[in-house]
Amino acid sequence: MSEMKTESNLRLKGRLMSASEIERTLVRLAHEIVEKSNGSDDLALIGIKRRGIPLAERLGTLISGIERRPVDVGTLDIQFYRDDLSTAGSRPVVTPGAIGFNVEGRDVVLCDDVLYTGRTVRAALDALFDHGRPRRVQLAVLIDRGHRELPIEATYVGRNVPTSGREIVEVKFREVDDDEQVLLVEKVS
């Protein structure tokens, strides 16, 4: 892929996944979740805002098709719980809200697009437990790029992508970005 600029300080290094590769990966993840969950009786998927939401919705649709029954899918906005907001560019907007169903005693799969330091997932766990006590919590991510700062590991991983600290994995979903691919970009000075 030829070198091109995406934004003034980012350079596109390559495409990690096409739309069809994302779809195939989600089908595999849905089957893994069903297999590990022994069906879907108490299963619930919760997407971490922003790109974890379409991931959870798509996995929920796929699992519902496999199991021939609906699966609860909810959303979690964790901006309020982040411990690294001083490094975030924009000011956080606190959006307390219901997940959409009771998590008490459920098998919850948290869904996010990229697992990096683990801080987003830690914040999501804090937010989730404010809503109740699930029986089990697992994590599904499309991309695991390493560089963990906390002892957090995904149960279901679409693809492991080792990256440098200068690189950024950009997941683009139709529902959020009107585009469908995973890109590797690099910060340039």
C-alpha atoms as a PDB file:
ATOM      1  CA  MET A   1       0.000   0.000   0.000  1.00  0.00           C
ATOM      2  CA  SER A   2       1.471   3.366  -0.927  1.00  0.00           C
ATOM      3  CA  GLU A   3       2.300   5.826   1.792  1.00  0.00           C
ATOM      4  CA  MET A   4      -0.381   8.432   2.338  1.00  0.00           C
ATOM      5  CA  LYS A   5      -1.254  10.914   5.049  1.00  0.00           C
ATOM      6  CA  THR A   6      -4.480  10.394   6.986  1.00  0.00           C
ATOM      7  CA  GLU A   7      -4.206  13.459   9.180  1.00  0.00           C
ATOM      8  CA  SER A   8      -1.427  16.027   9.543  1.00  0.00           C
ATOM      9  CA  ASN A   9       0.437  14.009  12.201  1.00  0.00           C
ATOM     10  CA  LEU A  10      -0.494  10.473  11.139  1.00  0.00           C
ATOM     11  CA  ARG A  11       0.890   8.353   8.300  1.00  0.00           C
ATOM     12  CA  LEU A  12      -0.941   5.287   6.991  1.00  0.00           C
ATOM     13  CA  LYS A  13       1.293   2.212   7.259  1.00  0.00           C
ATOM     14  CA  GLY A  14      -1.161  -0.365   5.965  1.00  0.00           C
ATOM     15  CA  ARG A  15      -4.523  -2.062   6.158  1.00  0.00           C
ATOM     16  CA  LEU A  16      -4.724  -4.827   8.764  1.00  0.00           C
ATOM     17  CA  MET A  17      -8.244  -6.045   7.951  1.00  0.00           C
ATOM     18  CA  SER A  18     -10.725  -5.517   5.130  1.00  0.00           C
ATOM     19  CA  ALA A  19     -14.505  -5.490   5.603  1.00  0.00           C
ATOM     20  CA  SER A  20     -14.731  -9.179   4.640  1.00  0.00           C
ATOM     21  CA  GLU A  21     -11.880 -10.085   7.029  1.00  0.00           C
ATOM     22  CA  ILE A  22     -13.701  -8.256   9.853  1.00  0.00           C
ATOM     23  CA  GLU A  23     -16.897 -10.184   9.053  1.00  0.00           C
ATOM     24  CA  ARG A  24     -15.129 -13.577   8.978  1.00  0.00           C
ATOM     25  CA  THR A  25     -13.390 -12.754  12.270  1.00  0.00           C
ATOM     26  CA  LEU A  26     -16.693 -11.839  13.943  1.00  0.00           C
ATOM     27  CA  VAL A  27     -18.266 -15.114  12.785  1.00  0.00           C
ATOM     28  CA  ARG A  28     -15.344 -17.012  14.354  1.00  0.00           C
ATOM     29  CA  LEU A  29     -15.585 -14.999  17.591  1.00  0.00           C
ATOM     30  CA  ALA A  30     -19.362 -15.603  17.788  1.00  0.00           C
ATOM     31  CA  HIS A  31     -18.808 -19.371  17.510  1.00  0.00           C
ATOM     32  CA  GLU A  32     -16.052 -19.236  20.166  1.00  0.00           C
ATOM     33  CA  ILE A  33     -18.333 -17.327  22.542  1.00  0.00           C
ATOM     34  CA  VAL A  34     -21.195 -19.813  22.047  1.00  0.00           C
ATOM     35  CA  GLU A  35     -18.855 -22.768  22.552  1.00  0.00           C
ATOM     36  CA  LYS A  36     -17.255 -21.360  25.704  1.00  0.00           C
ATOM     37  CA  SER A  37     -20.605 -20.207  27.108  1.00  0.00           C
ATOM     38  CA  ASN A  38     -22.295 -23.603  26.658  1.00  0.00           C
ATOM     39  CA  GLY A  39     -25.065 -21.955  24.710  1.00  0.00           C
ATOM     40  CA  SER A  40     -26.576 -18.568  25.381  1.00  0.00           C
ATOM     41  CA  ASP A  41     -29.091 -18.943  28.226  1.00  0.00           C
ATOM     42  CA  ASP A  42     -27.524 -16.372  30.579  1.00  0.00           C
ATOM     43  CA  LEU A  43     -25.290 -14.745  27.971  1.00  0.00           C
ATOM     44  CA  ALA A  44     -25.286 -10.960  27.569  1.00  0.00           C
ATOM     45  CA  LEU A  45     -23.023  -8.807  25.412  1.00  0.00           C
ATOM     46  CA  ILE A  46     -22.108  -5.269  26.445  1.00  0.00           C
ATOM     47  CA  GLY A  47     -20.358  -2.895  24.061  1.00  0.00           C
ATOM     48  CA  ILE A  48     -17.980  -0.292  25.453  1.00  0.00           C
ATOM     49  CA  LYS A  49     -18.735   3.063  23.854  1.00  0.00           C
ATOM     50  CA  ARG A  50     -17.827   3.862  21.065  1.00  0.00           C
ATOM     51  CA  ARG A  51     -16.706   1.141  18.686  1.00  0.00           C
ATOM     52  CA  GLY A  52     -17.398  -1.654  21.152  1.00  0.00           C
ATOM     53  CA  ILE A  53     -21.112  -1.021  20.595  1.00  0.00           C
ATOM     54  CA  PRO A  54     -21.300  -2.109  16.923  1.00  0.00           C
ATOM     55  CA  LEU A  55     -18.973  -5.006  17.800  1.00  0.00           C
ATOM     56  CA  ALA A  56     -21.374  -6.207  20.531  1.00  0.00           C
ATOM     57  CA  GLU A  57     -24.423  -5.682  18.290  1.00  0.00           C
ATOM     58  CA  ARG A  58     -22.918  -7.661  15.416  1.00  0.00           C
ATOM     59  CA  LEU A  59     -21.744 -10.474  17.694  1.00  0.00           C
ATOM     60  CA  GLY A  60     -25.209 -10.528  19.294  1.00  0.00           C
ATOM     61  CA  THR A  61     -26.877 -10.885  15.895  1.00  0.00           C
ATOM     62  CA  LEU A  62     -24.484 -13.679  14.885  1.00  0.00           C
ATOM     63  CA  ILE A  63     -24.922 -15.538  18.208  1.00  0.00           C
ATOM     64  CA  SER A  64     -28.719 -15.156  17.999  1.00  0.00           C
ATOM     65  CA  GLY A  65     -28.549 -16.777  14.561  1.00  0.00           C
ATOM     66  CA  ILE A  66     -26.357 -19.640  15.790  1.00  0.00           C
ATOM     67  CA  GLU A  67     -28.482 -20.278  18.896  1.00  0.00           C
ATOM     68  CA  ARG A  68     -31.842 -19.431  17.273  1.00  0.00           C
ATOM     69  CA  ARG A  69     -32.822 -17.207  20.173  1.00  0.00           C
ATOM     70  CA  PRO A  70     -32.273 -13.536  21.015  1.00  0.00           C
ATOM     71  CA  VAL A  71     -29.245 -12.491  23.061  1.00  0.00           C
ATOM     72  CA  ASP A  72     -29.292  -9.368  25.231  1.00  0.00           C
ATOM     73  CA  VAL A  73     -26.974  -6.642  23.943  1.00  0.00           C
ATOM     74  CA  GLY A  74     -26.320  -3.504  25.969  1.00  0.00           C
ATOM     75  CA  THR A  75     -24.001  -0.522  26.034  1.00  0.00           C
ATOM     76  CA  LEU A  76     -21.660   0.964  28.586  1.00  0.00           C
ATOM     77  CA  ASP A  77     -20.304   4.515  28.549  1.00  0.00           C
ATOM     78  CA  ILE A  78     -17.157   4.484  30.675  1.00  0.00           C
ATOM     79  CA  GLN A  79     -15.789   7.989  30.105  1.00  0.00           C
ATOM     80  CA  PHE A  80     -16.719   8.974  33.660  1.00  0.00           C
ATOM     81  CA  TYR A  81     -14.658   6.108  35.109  1.00  0.00           C
ATOM     82  CA  ARG A  82     -11.389   6.625  33.217  1.00  0.00           C
ATOM     83  CA  ASP A  83      -8.328   7.237  35.381  1.00  0.00           C
ATOM     84  CA  ASP A  84      -6.274   8.734  32.549  1.00  0.00           C
ATOM     85  CA  LEU A  85      -8.533  11.621  31.553  1.00  0.00           C
ATOM     86  CA  SER A  86      -5.724  14.144  31.980  1.00  0.00           C
ATOM     87  CA  THR A  87      -4.128  12.606  28.883  1.00  0.00           C
ATOM     88  CA  ALA A  88      -7.350  12.720  26.876  1.00  0.00           C
ATOM     89  CA  GLY A  89      -7.690  15.562  24.402  1.00  0.00           C
ATOM     90  CA  SER A  90     -11.300  16.539  25.017  1.00  0.00           C
ATOM     91  CA  ARG A  91     -13.172  16.994  28.262  1.00  0.00           C
ATOM     92  CA  PRO A  92     -15.170  13.967  29.337  1.00  0.00           C
ATOM     93  CA  VAL A  93     -18.930  13.984  29.145  1.00  0.00           C
ATOM     94  CA  VAL A  94     -20.491  12.027  31.964  1.00  0.00           C
ATOM     95  CA  THR A  95     -23.280   9.927  30.522  1.00  0.00           C
ATOM     96  CA  PRO A  96     -24.670   7.738  33.264  1.00  0.00           C
ATOM     97  CA  GLY A  97     -27.185   5.355  31.813  1.00  0.00           C
ATOM     98  CA  ALA A  98     -28.696   1.940  32.050  1.00  0.00           C
ATOM     99  CA  ILE A  99     -27.085  -0.961  30.230  1.00  0.00           C
ATOM    100  CA  GLY A 100     -30.537  -2.009  29.071  1.00  0.00           C
ATOM    101  CA  PHE A 101     -31.024  -5.169  31.154  1.00  0.00           C
ATOM    102  CA  ASN A 102     -30.152  -6.619  34.563  1.00  0.00           C
ATOM    103  CA  VAL A 103     -26.584  -7.986  34.707  1.00  0.00           C
ATOM    104  CA  GLU A 104     -27.066  -9.768  38.033  1.00  0.00           C
ATOM    105  CA  GLY A 105     -25.969 -13.418  37.761  1.00  0.00           C
ATOM    106  CA  ARG A 106     -25.422 -13.181  33.977  1.00  0.00           C
ATOM    107  CA  ASP A 107     -22.501 -14.320  31.829  1.00  0.00           C
ATOM    108  CA  VAL A 108     -21.361 -10.965  30.458  1.00  0.00           C
ATOM    109  CA  VAL A 109     -19.016 -10.514  27.519  1.00  0.00           C
ATOM    110  CA  LEU A 110     -17.615  -6.984  27.393  1.00  0.00           C
ATOM    111  CA  CYS A 111     -16.833  -5.965  23.807  1.00  0.00           C
ATOM    112  CA  ASP A 112     -14.300  -3.394  22.630  1.00  0.00           C
ATOM    113  CA  ASP A 113     -12.535  -2.751  19.351  1.00  0.00           C
ATOM    114  CA  VAL A 114      -8.899  -2.542  20.524  1.00  0.00           C
ATOM    115  CA  LEU A 115      -7.211  -3.797  23.691  1.00  0.00           C
ATOM    116  CA  TYR A 116      -4.105  -1.757  24.435  1.00  0.00           C
ATOM    117  CA  THR A 117      -3.136  -0.659  27.964  1.00  0.00           C
ATOM    118  CA  GLY A 118      -6.162  -2.249  29.657  1.00  0.00           C
ATOM    119  CA  ARG A 119      -7.301   1.023  31.266  1.00  0.00           C
ATOM    120  CA  THR A 120     -10.549   1.222  29.273  1.00  0.00           C
ATOM    121  CA  VAL A 121     -11.445  -2.318  30.310  1.00  0.00           C
ATOM    122  CA  ARG A 122     -10.644  -1.601  33.962  1.00  0.00           C
ATOM    123  CA  ALA A 123     -12.921   1.439  33.806  1.00  0.00           C
ATOM    124  CA  ALA A 124     -15.615  -0.655  32.115  1.00  0.00           C
ATOM    125  CA  LEU A 125     -15.425  -3.242  34.905  1.00  0.00           C
ATOM    126  CA  ASP A 126     -15.895  -0.486  37.504  1.00  0.00           C
ATOM    127  CA  ALA A 127     -18.925   0.813  35.596  1.00  0.00           C
ATOM    128  CA  LEU A 128     -20.330  -2.689  35.051  1.00  0.00           C
ATOM    129  CA  PHE A 129     -20.177  -3.634  38.731  1.00  0.00           C
ATOM    130  CA  ASP A 130     -22.046  -0.428  39.603  1.00  0.00           C
ATOM    131  CA  HIS A 131     -24.972  -2.033  37.692  1.00  0.00           C
ATOM    132  CA  GLY A 132     -24.870  -5.348  39.534  1.00  0.00           C
ATOM    133  CA  ARG A 133     -22.871  -8.501  40.037  1.00  0.00           C
ATOM    134  CA  PRO A 134     -22.531 -10.697  36.939  1.00  0.00           C
ATOM    135  CA  ARG A 135     -21.773 -14.405  37.424  1.00  0.00           C
ATOM    136  CA  ARG A 136     -18.846 -14.160  35.003  1.00  0.00           C
ATOM    137  CA  VAL A 137     -17.255 -11.405  32.915  1.00  0.00           C
ATOM    138  CA  GLN A 138     -15.237 -12.096  29.786  1.00  0.00           C
ATOM    139  CA  LEU A 139     -13.685  -9.754  27.236  1.00  0.00           C
ATOM    140  CA  ALA A 140     -13.969  -9.868  23.445  1.00  0.00           C
ATOM    141  CA  VAL A 141     -11.818  -7.569  21.305  1.00  0.00           C
ATOM    142  CA  LEU A 142     -11.314  -7.271  17.572  1.00  0.00           C
ATOM    143  CA  ILE A 143      -7.626  -6.312  17.949  1.00  0.00           C
ATOM    144  CA  ASP A 144      -5.172  -6.962  20.803  1.00  0.00           C
ATOM    145  CA  ARG A 145      -2.117  -4.789  20.260  1.00  0.00           C
ATOM    146  CA  GLY A 146      -0.202  -5.587  23.446  1.00  0.00           C
ATOM    147  CA  HIS A 147       1.519  -2.958  25.645  1.00  0.00           C
ATOM    148  CA  ARG A 148      -0.600  -3.752  28.702  1.00  0.00           C
ATOM    149  CA  GLU A 149      -0.250  -1.532  31.766  1.00  0.00           C
ATOM    150  CA  LEU A 150      -2.725  -3.605  33.799  1.00  0.00           C
ATOM    151  CA  PRO A 151      -3.093  -7.391  34.180  1.00  0.00           C
ATOM    152  CA  ILE A 152      -6.024  -7.668  31.772  1.00  0.00           C
ATOM    153  CA  GLU A 153      -6.355 -10.301  29.067  1.00  0.00           C
ATOM    154  CA  ALA A 154      -9.079 -10.816  26.474  1.00  0.00           C
ATOM    155  CA  THR A 155     -10.914 -14.148  26.407  1.00  0.00           C
ATOM    156  CA  TYR A 156     -11.774 -13.726  22.724  1.00  0.00           C
ATOM    157  CA  VAL A 157      -9.348 -12.011  20.325  1.00  0.00           C
ATOM    158  CA  GLY A 158      -9.990 -11.366  16.652  1.00  0.00           C
ATOM    159  CA  ARG A 159      -6.357 -10.696  15.835  1.00  0.00           C
ATOM    160  CA  ASN A 160      -3.137 -10.033  17.750  1.00  0.00           C
ATOM    161  CA  VAL A 161      -1.243  -7.116  16.219  1.00  0.00           C
ATOM    162  CA  PRO A 162       2.117  -6.317  17.821  1.00  0.00           C
ATOM    163  CA  THR A 163       2.669  -2.564  17.557  1.00  0.00           C
ATOM    164  CA  SER A 164       5.196   0.050  18.565  1.00  0.00           C
ATOM    165  CA  GLY A 165       4.337   2.953  20.867  1.00  0.00           C
ATOM    166  CA  ARG A 166       4.242   5.293  17.856  1.00  0.00           C
ATOM    167  CA  GLU A 167       1.688   3.176  16.007  1.00  0.00           C
ATOM    168  CA  ILE A 168      -2.084   3.435  16.307  1.00  0.00           C
ATOM    169  CA  VAL A 169      -4.663   0.847  15.291  1.00  0.00           C
ATOM    170  CA  GLU A 170      -7.727   2.526  13.774  1.00  0.00           C
ATOM    171  CA  VAL A 171     -10.854   0.379  13.659  1.00  0.00           C
ATOM    172  CA  LYS A 172     -13.534   1.731  11.361  1.00  0.00           C
ATOM    173  CA  PHE A 173     -17.081   0.368  11.501  1.00  0.00           C
ATOM    174  CA  ARG A 174     -19.910   1.304   9.109  1.00  0.00           C
ATOM    175  CA  GLU A 175     -22.174   2.220  12.026  1.00  0.00           C
ATOM    176  CA  VAL A 176     -19.743   4.816  13.430  1.00  0.00           C
ATOM    177  CA  ASP A 177     -17.363   5.798  10.628  1.00  0.00           C
ATOM    178  CA  ASP A 178     -19.302   5.039   7.428  1.00  0.00           C
ATOM    179  CA  ASP A 179     -16.279   2.895   6.539  1.00  0.00           C
ATOM    180  CA  GLU A 180     -15.291  -0.707   7.258  1.00  0.00           C
ATOM    181  CA  GLN A 181     -11.628  -1.626   7.778  1.00  0.00           C
ATOM    182  CA  VAL A 182      -8.803  -1.764  10.302  1.00  0.00           C
ATOM    183  CA  LEU A 183      -5.786   0.449   9.599  1.00  0.00           C
ATOM    184  CA  LEU A 184      -2.323   0.744  11.094  1.00  0.00           C
ATOM    185  CA  VAL A 185      -1.148   4.336  11.248  1.00  0.00           C
ATOM    186  CA  GLU A 186       1.967   5.903  12.709  1.00  0.00           C
ATOM    187  CA  LYS A 187       2.505   9.204  14.498  1.00  0.00           C
ATOM    188  CA  VAL A 188       4.977  11.399  12.636  1.00  0.00           C
ATOM    189  CA  SER A 189       6.570  14.522  14.069  1.00  0.00           C
END
